[in-house]
Amino acid sequence: MHKKIKMISFDVDGTMIDPEYNDLIWFKEIPELLAGKRLMSFEEARRITLKEYESLGSKNLKWYDINYWIDYFDLKKSYREILEKYETKIKIFPSVIPLLENLKKRYELIIITTMPREFLSPKIVKLEKYFKSTFSAVSDYRQLKNANLYRKISYDLKMNPFEIMHIGDSWSSDYLSAKKAGMNTVFLDQSKSKVGEDIIYDLEELNTVLQMYEK
């Protein structure tokens, strides 16, 4: 027996927004700036940046902090200059806005993302009107997505976790962690590698999942 859903939580990158924007910043712009500073080839600068990213590791909060990398490589640029350069490349997946238009009539909508607010803000300019609240794990809670984070957010919202459905494209940090916290979860599997009633391959399929909770 499904319990009534009152709120739907969305991840951002890979769920609503094409990750290409991130790739342009981390794997093109940062190496280009480093190449210019050190008078080396782009290929060599990219090799250095990738090595440094890997050395720090994605479990370290600094890995997500663009200001940390600007200082680390001494790039002499503001994060705004770097992020604004590729803002026109931000792509919302086609099914997102029609889905949000539909869902906002029946549910409260929120965002729960790992990314810092510096990255989040430009990405959701066209989407923020649909959401009651946005939560950045790194900026607001100084941690990564895990079950404890989802519990904290539920508490801050004065909601029981089972009243919230979270959808994202990470099996571990979105699907399993939110489920462990007591939320209903949906995994957006665009690679089509998994099968299950809470697994969808396109965001518009969320409507079909929700019908089971609305009966």
C-alpha atoms as a PDB file:
ATOM      1  CA  MET A   1       0.000   0.000   0.000  1.00  0.00           C
ATOM      2  CA  HIS A   2       1.585   3.264  -1.127  1.00  0.00           C
ATOM      3  CA  LYS A   3       1.469   6.211   1.247  1.00  0.00           C
ATOM      4  CA  LYS A   4       0.319   9.576  -0.005  1.00  0.00           C
ATOM      5  CA  ILE A   5       3.010  11.746  -1.574  1.00  0.00           C
ATOM      6  CA  LYS A   6       2.799  15.446  -0.757  1.00  0.00           C
ATOM      7  CA  MET A   7       6.117  16.676  -2.120  1.00  0.00           C
ATOM      8  CA  ILE A   8       8.421  15.728  -4.977  1.00  0.00           C
ATOM      9  CA  SER A   9      12.156  16.344  -4.822  1.00  0.00           C
ATOM     10  CA  PHE A  10      14.341  16.553  -7.924  1.00  0.00           C
ATOM     11  CA  ASP A  11      18.045  16.156  -8.458  1.00  0.00           C
ATOM     12  CA  VAL A  12      19.427  18.548 -11.097  1.00  0.00           C
ATOM     13  CA  ASP A  13      22.428  17.359 -13.126  1.00  0.00           C
ATOM     14  CA  GLY A  14      21.557  14.391 -15.296  1.00  0.00           C
ATOM     15  CA  THR A  15      17.948  14.567 -14.132  1.00  0.00           C
ATOM     16  CA  MET A  16      16.687  17.955 -15.314  1.00  0.00           C
ATOM     17  CA  ILE A  17      19.825  19.553 -16.778  1.00  0.00           C
ATOM     18  CA  ASP A  18      22.297  18.166 -19.292  1.00  0.00           C
ATOM     19  CA  PRO A  19      25.687  17.726 -17.538  1.00  0.00           C
ATOM     20  CA  GLU A  20      27.502  19.192 -20.564  1.00  0.00           C
ATOM     21  CA  TYR A  21      27.684  22.604 -18.853  1.00  0.00           C
ATOM     22  CA  ASN A  22      29.716  21.114 -15.989  1.00  0.00           C
ATOM     23  CA  ASP A  23      32.053  19.412 -18.446  1.00  0.00           C
ATOM     24  CA  LEU A  24      32.713  22.686 -20.258  1.00  0.00           C
ATOM     25  CA  ILE A  25      33.694  24.383 -16.994  1.00  0.00           C
ATOM     26  CA  TRP A  26      35.824  21.630 -15.459  1.00  0.00           C
ATOM     27  CA  PHE A  27      37.353  20.014 -18.535  1.00  0.00           C
ATOM     28  CA  LYS A  28      37.592  22.943 -20.970  1.00  0.00           C
ATOM     29  CA  GLU A  29      37.573  26.353 -19.294  1.00  0.00           C
ATOM     30  CA  ILE A  30      39.731  25.545 -16.251  1.00  0.00           C
ATOM     31  CA  PRO A  31      42.407  23.799 -18.383  1.00  0.00           C
ATOM     32  CA  GLU A  32      42.315  26.645 -20.921  1.00  0.00           C
ATOM     33  CA  LEU A  33      42.926  29.208 -18.193  1.00  0.00           C
ATOM     34  CA  LEU A  34      45.725  27.102 -16.741  1.00  0.00           C
ATOM     35  CA  ALA A  35      47.304  26.684 -20.196  1.00  0.00           C
ATOM     36  CA  GLY A  36      47.262  30.450 -20.690  1.00  0.00           C
ATOM     37  CA  LYS A  37      48.758  31.111 -17.269  1.00  0.00           C
ATOM     38  CA  ARG A  38      51.563  28.549 -17.551  1.00  0.00           C
ATOM     39  CA  LEU A  39      52.147  28.971 -21.304  1.00  0.00           C
ATOM     40  CA  MET A  40      51.595  25.292 -22.017  1.00  0.00           C
ATOM     41  CA  SER A  41      49.416  23.324 -24.419  1.00  0.00           C
ATOM     42  CA  PHE A  42      45.756  22.727 -23.657  1.00  0.00           C
ATOM     43  CA  GLU A  43      46.390  18.976 -23.654  1.00  0.00           C
ATOM     44  CA  GLU A  44      49.097  19.282 -21.001  1.00  0.00           C
ATOM     45  CA  ALA A  45      46.991  21.652 -18.891  1.00  0.00           C
ATOM     46  CA  ARG A  46      44.028  19.286 -19.124  1.00  0.00           C
ATOM     47  CA  ARG A  47      46.201  16.361 -18.031  1.00  0.00           C
ATOM     48  CA  ILE A  48      47.340  18.366 -14.991  1.00  0.00           C
ATOM     49  CA  THR A  49      43.836  19.460 -13.989  1.00  0.00           C
ATOM     50  CA  LEU A  50      42.434  15.945 -14.322  1.00  0.00           C
ATOM     51  CA  LYS A  51      45.261  14.576 -12.201  1.00  0.00           C
ATOM     52  CA  GLU A  52      44.593  17.182  -9.501  1.00  0.00           C
ATOM     53  CA  TYR A  53      40.821  16.559  -9.553  1.00  0.00           C
ATOM     54  CA  GLU A  54      41.438  12.826  -9.167  1.00  0.00           C
ATOM     55  CA  SER A  55      44.019  13.351  -6.437  1.00  0.00           C
ATOM     56  CA  LEU A  56      41.586  15.339  -4.291  1.00  0.00           C
ATOM     57  CA  GLY A  57      38.670  12.981  -4.962  1.00  0.00           C
ATOM     58  CA  SER A  58      34.918  13.538  -5.190  1.00  0.00           C
ATOM     59  CA  LYS A  59      34.366  12.666  -1.513  1.00  0.00           C
ATOM     60  CA  ASN A  60      36.172  15.863  -0.534  1.00  0.00           C
ATOM     61  CA  LEU A  61      33.868  18.911  -0.493  1.00  0.00           C
ATOM     62  CA  LYS A  62      36.642  21.043  -2.019  1.00  0.00           C
ATOM     63  CA  TRP A  63      36.311  18.964  -5.196  1.00  0.00           C
ATOM     64  CA  TYR A  64      32.987  20.758  -5.890  1.00  0.00           C
ATOM     65  CA  ASP A  65      34.242  24.240  -4.960  1.00  0.00           C
ATOM     66  CA  ILE A  66      35.199  26.280  -8.019  1.00  0.00           C
ATOM     67  CA  ASN A  67      36.761  28.963  -5.830  1.00  0.00           C
ATOM     68  CA  TYR A  68      39.086  26.348  -4.348  1.00  0.00           C
ATOM     69  CA  TRP A  69      40.329  25.428  -7.831  1.00  0.00           C
ATOM     70  CA  ILE A  70      40.646  29.051  -8.914  1.00  0.00           C
ATOM     71  CA  ASP A  71      42.908  29.662  -5.916  1.00  0.00           C
ATOM     72  CA  TYR A  72      44.702  26.329  -6.270  1.00  0.00           C
ATOM     73  CA  PHE A  73      45.697  27.031  -9.880  1.00  0.00           C
ATOM     74  CA  ASP A  74      46.032  30.803  -9.226  1.00  0.00           C
ATOM     75  CA  LEU A  75      43.833  31.582 -12.239  1.00  0.00           C
ATOM     76  CA  LYS A  76      43.132  35.263 -11.458  1.00  0.00           C
ATOM     77  CA  LYS A  77      39.481  34.973 -12.510  1.00  0.00           C
ATOM     78  CA  SER A  78      36.239  35.264 -10.576  1.00  0.00           C
ATOM     79  CA  TYR A  79      33.931  32.264 -10.498  1.00  0.00           C
ATOM     80  CA  ARG A  80      31.224  34.438 -12.077  1.00  0.00           C
ATOM     81  CA  GLU A  81      33.380  35.142 -15.137  1.00  0.00           C
ATOM     82  CA  ILE A  82      34.063  31.438 -15.570  1.00  0.00           C
ATOM     83  CA  LEU A  83      30.473  30.280 -15.122  1.00  0.00           C
ATOM     84  CA  GLU A  84      28.916  33.049 -17.209  1.00  0.00           C
ATOM     85  CA  LYS A  85      31.052  32.187 -20.237  1.00  0.00           C
ATOM     86  CA  TYR A  86      29.055  29.032 -20.942  1.00  0.00           C
ATOM     87  CA  GLU A  87      25.626  29.916 -19.570  1.00  0.00           C
ATOM     88  CA  THR A  88      24.165  29.750 -23.075  1.00  0.00           C
ATOM     89  CA  LYS A  89      25.159  26.073 -23.121  1.00  0.00           C
ATOM     90  CA  ILE A  90      22.892  25.165 -20.202  1.00  0.00           C
ATOM     91  CA  LYS A  91      20.334  22.687 -21.569  1.00  0.00           C
ATOM     92  CA  ILE A  92      17.112  21.693 -19.845  1.00  0.00           C
ATOM     93  CA  PHE A  93      15.949  18.241 -20.914  1.00  0.00           C
ATOM     94  CA  PRO A  94      12.845  18.536 -23.175  1.00  0.00           C
ATOM     95  CA  SER A  95      10.413  16.718 -20.874  1.00  0.00           C
ATOM     96  CA  VAL A  96      11.251  18.801 -17.789  1.00  0.00           C
ATOM     97  CA  ILE A  97       9.127  21.953 -18.099  1.00  0.00           C
ATOM     98  CA  PRO A  98       5.942  20.166 -19.303  1.00  0.00           C
ATOM     99  CA  LEU A  99       6.334  17.722 -16.406  1.00  0.00           C
ATOM    100  CA  LEU A 100       6.826  20.489 -13.823  1.00  0.00           C
ATOM    101  CA  GLU A 101       3.845  22.422 -15.184  1.00  0.00           C
ATOM    102  CA  ASN A 102       1.739  19.339 -14.618  1.00  0.00           C
ATOM    103  CA  LEU A 103       3.115  18.367 -11.214  1.00  0.00           C
ATOM    104  CA  LYS A 104       2.961  21.816  -9.615  1.00  0.00           C
ATOM    105  CA  LYS A 105      -0.837  21.618  -9.714  1.00  0.00           C
ATOM    106  CA  ARG A 106      -0.815  18.580  -7.399  1.00  0.00           C
ATOM    107  CA  TYR A 107       2.406  18.631  -5.390  1.00  0.00           C
ATOM    108  CA  GLU A 108       4.901  20.919  -3.740  1.00  0.00           C
ATOM    109  CA  LEU A 109       8.203  20.665  -5.605  1.00  0.00           C
ATOM    110  CA  ILE A 110      11.733  21.038  -4.270  1.00  0.00           C
ATOM    111  CA  ILE A 111      15.313  20.525  -5.442  1.00  0.00           C
ATOM    112  CA  ILE A 112      17.930  18.504  -3.576  1.00  0.00           C
ATOM    113  CA  THR A 113      21.324  18.611  -5.277  1.00  0.00           C
ATOM    114  CA  THR A 114      24.935  18.027  -4.357  1.00  0.00           C
ATOM    115  CA  MET A 115      26.238  20.959  -6.387  1.00  0.00           C
ATOM    116  CA  PRO A 116      27.208  24.298  -4.821  1.00  0.00           C
ATOM    117  CA  ARG A 117      24.847  27.219  -5.245  1.00  0.00           C
ATOM    118  CA  GLU A 118      27.311  28.965  -7.555  1.00  0.00           C
ATOM    119  CA  PHE A 119      26.540  26.269 -10.132  1.00  0.00           C
ATOM    120  CA  LEU A 120      22.905  25.777  -9.184  1.00  0.00           C
ATOM    121  CA  SER A 121      21.725  29.364  -9.592  1.00  0.00           C
ATOM    122  CA  PRO A 122      22.440  29.803 -13.327  1.00  0.00           C
ATOM    123  CA  LYS A 123      21.130  26.342 -14.138  1.00  0.00           C
ATOM    124  CA  ILE A 124      17.661  26.867 -12.686  1.00  0.00           C
ATOM    125  CA  VAL A 125      16.912  30.411 -13.857  1.00  0.00           C
ATOM    126  CA  LYS A 126      14.081  29.079 -16.033  1.00  0.00           C
ATOM    127  CA  LEU A 127      12.980  26.464 -13.501  1.00  0.00           C
ATOM    128  CA  GLU A 128      13.057  28.107 -10.065  1.00  0.00           C
ATOM    129  CA  LYS A 129       9.474  29.391 -10.334  1.00  0.00           C
ATOM    130  CA  TYR A 130       8.269  25.788 -10.065  1.00  0.00           C
ATOM    131  CA  PHE A 131      10.049  25.016  -6.800  1.00  0.00           C
ATOM    132  CA  LYS A 132       9.101  25.846  -3.234  1.00  0.00           C
ATOM    133  CA  SER A 133      12.657  25.337  -1.950  1.00  0.00           C
ATOM    134  CA  THR A 134      16.114  24.407  -3.191  1.00  0.00           C
ATOM    135  CA  PHE A 135      18.745  22.585  -1.127  1.00  0.00           C
ATOM    136  CA  SER A 136      22.446  22.329  -1.899  1.00  0.00           C
ATOM    137  CA  ALA A 137      24.133  19.545   0.061  1.00  0.00           C
ATOM    138  CA  VAL A 138      27.556  21.151  -0.298  1.00  0.00           C
ATOM    139  CA  SER A 139      26.608  24.810   0.267  1.00  0.00           C
ATOM    140  CA  ASP A 140      23.801  24.472   2.815  1.00  0.00           C
ATOM    141  CA  TYR A 141      24.828  21.392   4.811  1.00  0.00           C
ATOM    142  CA  ARG A 142      28.565  21.011   4.132  1.00  0.00           C
ATOM    143  CA  GLN A 143      28.196  17.369   3.228  1.00  0.00           C
ATOM    144  CA  LEU A 144      27.434  15.091   0.310  1.00  0.00           C
ATOM    145  CA  LYS A 145      24.127  13.392  -0.372  1.00  0.00           C
ATOM    146  CA  ASN A 146      23.491  10.590   2.100  1.00  0.00           C
ATOM    147  CA  ALA A 147      20.608   9.275   4.176  1.00  0.00           C
ATOM    148  CA  ASN A 148      21.358  11.702   6.997  1.00  0.00           C
ATOM    149  CA  LEU A 149      21.121  14.662   4.624  1.00  0.00           C
ATOM    150  CA  TYR A 150      17.693  13.584   3.373  1.00  0.00           C
ATOM    151  CA  ARG A 151      16.504  13.174   6.968  1.00  0.00           C
ATOM    152  CA  LYS A 152      17.776  16.651   7.863  1.00  0.00           C
ATOM    153  CA  ILE A 153      16.011  18.212   4.897  1.00  0.00           C
ATOM    154  CA  SER A 154      12.775  16.416   5.760  1.00  0.00           C
ATOM    155  CA  TYR A 155      13.069  17.757   9.308  1.00  0.00           C
ATOM    156  CA  ASP A 156      13.765  21.282   8.052  1.00  0.00           C
ATOM    157  CA  LEU A 157      10.675  21.053   5.854  1.00  0.00           C
ATOM    158  CA  LYS A 158       8.613  19.718   8.780  1.00  0.00           C
ATOM    159  CA  MET A 159       7.713  16.721   6.621  1.00  0.00           C
ATOM    160  CA  ASN A 160       7.827  13.000   7.239  1.00  0.00           C
ATOM    161  CA  PRO A 161      10.283  11.434   4.784  1.00  0.00           C
ATOM    162  CA  PHE A 162       7.593   9.057   3.478  1.00  0.00           C
ATOM    163  CA  GLU A 163       5.573  12.095   2.318  1.00  0.00           C
ATOM    164  CA  ILE A 164       8.391  13.016  -0.082  1.00  0.00           C
ATOM    165  CA  MET A 165       9.383  11.344  -3.330  1.00  0.00           C
ATOM    166  CA  HIS A 166      12.933  11.971  -4.550  1.00  0.00           C
ATOM    167  CA  ILE A 167      14.011  11.380  -8.132  1.00  0.00           C
ATOM    168  CA  GLY A 168      17.562  11.424  -9.455  1.00  0.00           C
ATOM    169  CA  ASP A 169      20.033   9.738 -11.764  1.00  0.00           C
ATOM    170  CA  SER A 170      22.523   8.453  -9.164  1.00  0.00           C
ATOM    171  CA  TRP A 171      21.773   4.946  -7.898  1.00  0.00           C
ATOM    172  CA  SER A 172      23.742   5.525  -4.704  1.00  0.00           C
ATOM    173  CA  SER A 173      23.327   9.184  -3.711  1.00  0.00           C
ATOM    174  CA  ASP A 174      19.795   9.693  -5.052  1.00  0.00           C
ATOM    175  CA  TYR A 175      17.959   6.380  -5.068  1.00  0.00           C
ATOM    176  CA  LEU A 176      19.515   4.320  -2.265  1.00  0.00           C
ATOM    177  CA  SER A 177      20.358   7.157   0.152  1.00  0.00           C
ATOM    178  CA  ALA A 178      16.936   8.800  -0.051  1.00  0.00           C
ATOM    179  CA  LYS A 179      15.250   5.406   0.304  1.00  0.00           C
ATOM    180  CA  LYS A 180      17.344   4.651   3.399  1.00  0.00           C
ATOM    181  CA  ALA A 181      16.145   7.959   4.870  1.00  0.00           C
ATOM    182  CA  GLY A 182      12.534   6.807   4.456  1.00  0.00           C
ATOM    183  CA  MET A 183      11.622   8.693   1.299  1.00  0.00           C
ATOM    184  CA  ASN A 184       9.920   7.180  -1.690  1.00  0.00           C
ATOM    185  CA  THR A 185      12.465   7.087  -4.502  1.00  0.00           C
ATOM    186  CA  VAL A 186      12.563   6.887  -8.275  1.00  0.00           C
ATOM    187  CA  PHE A 187      15.736   6.174 -10.232  1.00  0.00           C
ATOM    188  CA  LEU A 188      16.119   7.884 -13.617  1.00  0.00           C
ATOM    189  CA  ASP A 189      18.151   5.334 -15.534  1.00  0.00           C
ATOM    190  CA  GLN A 190      18.906   6.883 -18.905  1.00  0.00           C
ATOM    191  CA  SER A 191      21.425   4.126 -19.630  1.00  0.00           C
ATOM    192  CA  LYS A 192      18.577   1.583 -19.327  1.00  0.00           C
ATOM    193  CA  SER A 193      20.720  -0.800 -17.322  1.00  0.00           C
ATOM    194  CA  LYS A 194      18.249  -1.565 -14.509  1.00  0.00           C
ATOM    195  CA  VAL A 195      14.651  -2.777 -14.273  1.00  0.00           C
ATOM    196  CA  GLY A 196      12.059  -2.187 -11.557  1.00  0.00           C
ATOM    197  CA  GLU A 197       8.789  -0.449 -10.706  1.00  0.00           C
ATOM    198  CA  ASP A 198      10.650   2.577  -9.310  1.00  0.00           C
ATOM    199  CA  ILE A 199      13.006   2.827 -12.284  1.00  0.00           C
ATOM    200  CA  ILE A 200      12.236   5.012 -15.290  1.00  0.00           C
ATOM    201  CA  TYR A 201      14.145   5.745 -18.474  1.00  0.00           C
ATOM    202  CA  ASP A 202      12.744   9.192 -19.247  1.00  0.00           C
ATOM    203  CA  LEU A 203      11.566  11.831 -16.802  1.00  0.00           C
ATOM    204  CA  GLU A 204       8.073  11.997 -18.300  1.00  0.00           C
ATOM    205  CA  GLU A 205       7.529   8.404 -17.098  1.00  0.00           C
ATOM    206  CA  LEU A 206       7.336   9.821 -13.562  1.00  0.00           C
ATOM    207  CA  ASN A 207       3.645  10.483 -14.164  1.00  0.00           C
ATOM    208  CA  THR A 208       3.041   6.749 -14.554  1.00  0.00           C
ATOM    209  CA  VAL A 209       4.814   5.997 -11.275  1.00  0.00           C
ATOM    210  CA  LEU A 210       2.839   8.681  -9.457  1.00  0.00           C
ATOM    211  CA  GLN A 211      -0.461   7.229 -10.636  1.00  0.00           C
ATOM    212  CA  MET A 212       0.196   4.216  -8.431  1.00  0.00           C
ATOM    213  CA  TYR A 213       0.536   6.499  -5.399  1.00  0.00           C
ATOM    214  CA  GLU A 214      -2.548   8.515  -6.295  1.00  0.00           C
ATOM    215  CA  LYS A 215      -4.936   5.547  -6.411  1.00  0.00           C
END
